[in-house]
Protein backbone atom coordinates (compact mmCIF):
# COMPACT_ATOMS: atom_id res chain seq x y z
CA MET A 1 3.01 -2.45 8.79
CA LYS A 2 5.06 0.35 10.27
CA GLY A 3 7.27 3.03 8.79
CA LEU A 4 4.78 4.37 6.25
CA HIS A 5 6.16 7.58 4.76
CA SER A 6 4.08 10.69 4.33
CA GLY A 7 2.76 10.85 0.78
CA ALA A 8 3.02 7.11 0.15
CA ARG A 9 0.06 5.30 -1.37
CA ILE A 10 -1.12 1.86 -0.34
CA PHE A 11 -3.63 -0.02 -2.46
CA ARG A 12 -5.72 -2.96 -1.32
CA LEU A 13 -6.90 -5.33 -4.02
CA ARG A 14 -9.55 -7.95 -3.29
CA SER A 15 -10.62 -10.68 -5.69
CA HIS A 16 -12.04 -14.17 -5.21
CA GLY A 17 -11.43 -14.11 -1.45
CA VAL A 18 -7.78 -13.03 -1.78
CA THR A 19 -6.52 -9.71 -0.41
CA ILE A 20 -3.34 -8.14 -1.82
CA VAL A 21 -1.71 -5.02 -0.41
CA LEU A 22 0.29 -3.13 -3.03
CA ASP A 23 2.91 -0.52 -2.22
CA ALA A 24 2.97 1.25 -5.56
CA TRP A 25 5.74 3.43 -6.93
CA LEU A 26 4.14 6.70 -7.99
CA LYS A 27 5.92 9.78 -9.26
CA ARG A 28 3.09 12.07 -8.13
CA PRO A 29 1.36 10.27 -5.24
CA SER A 30 -0.31 13.47 -4.08
CA SER A 31 -2.39 13.46 -7.27
CA ILE A 32 -4.32 10.40 -6.01
CA PRO A 33 -6.75 10.88 -3.11
CA THR A 34 -6.20 8.76 0.00
CA TYR A 35 -9.09 6.40 0.71
CA LEU A 36 -7.27 3.68 2.65
CA LYS A 37 -5.14 4.29 5.71
CA ILE A 38 -2.65 1.67 6.85
CA ASP A 39 -4.60 1.20 10.10
CA GLU A 40 -7.60 0.12 8.01
CA VAL A 41 -5.77 -2.88 6.52
CA ASP A 42 -7.16 -5.67 8.69
CA GLU A 43 -6.33 -8.65 6.49
CA CYS A 44 -3.78 -9.49 3.84
CA ASP A 45 -2.87 -12.66 1.96
CA TYR A 46 -0.02 -11.18 -0.08
CA ILE A 47 2.11 -8.04 -0.05
CA LEU A 48 3.53 -6.80 -3.35
CA ILE A 49 6.52 -4.46 -3.04
CA SER A 50 7.26 -2.84 -6.39
CA HIS A 51 10.43 -0.95 -5.47
CA ILE A 52 13.31 -0.89 -3.00
CA HIS A 53 12.88 0.43 0.52
CA LEU A 54 16.19 1.39 2.09
CA ASP A 55 14.57 2.21 5.42
CA TYR A 56 13.19 -1.28 6.10
């Protein structure tokens, strides 16, 4: 994944051997600490995009 904006939050959900990457829409993303960097996403079965991205 490229084009990650500063302040964006990516969540990785894992359950029953399935990995989902979620690009959440947050009004105050800076209020949530960053634990996962995009370079640390090494596997993904599904990507859930919850809002429009005009840049890609």
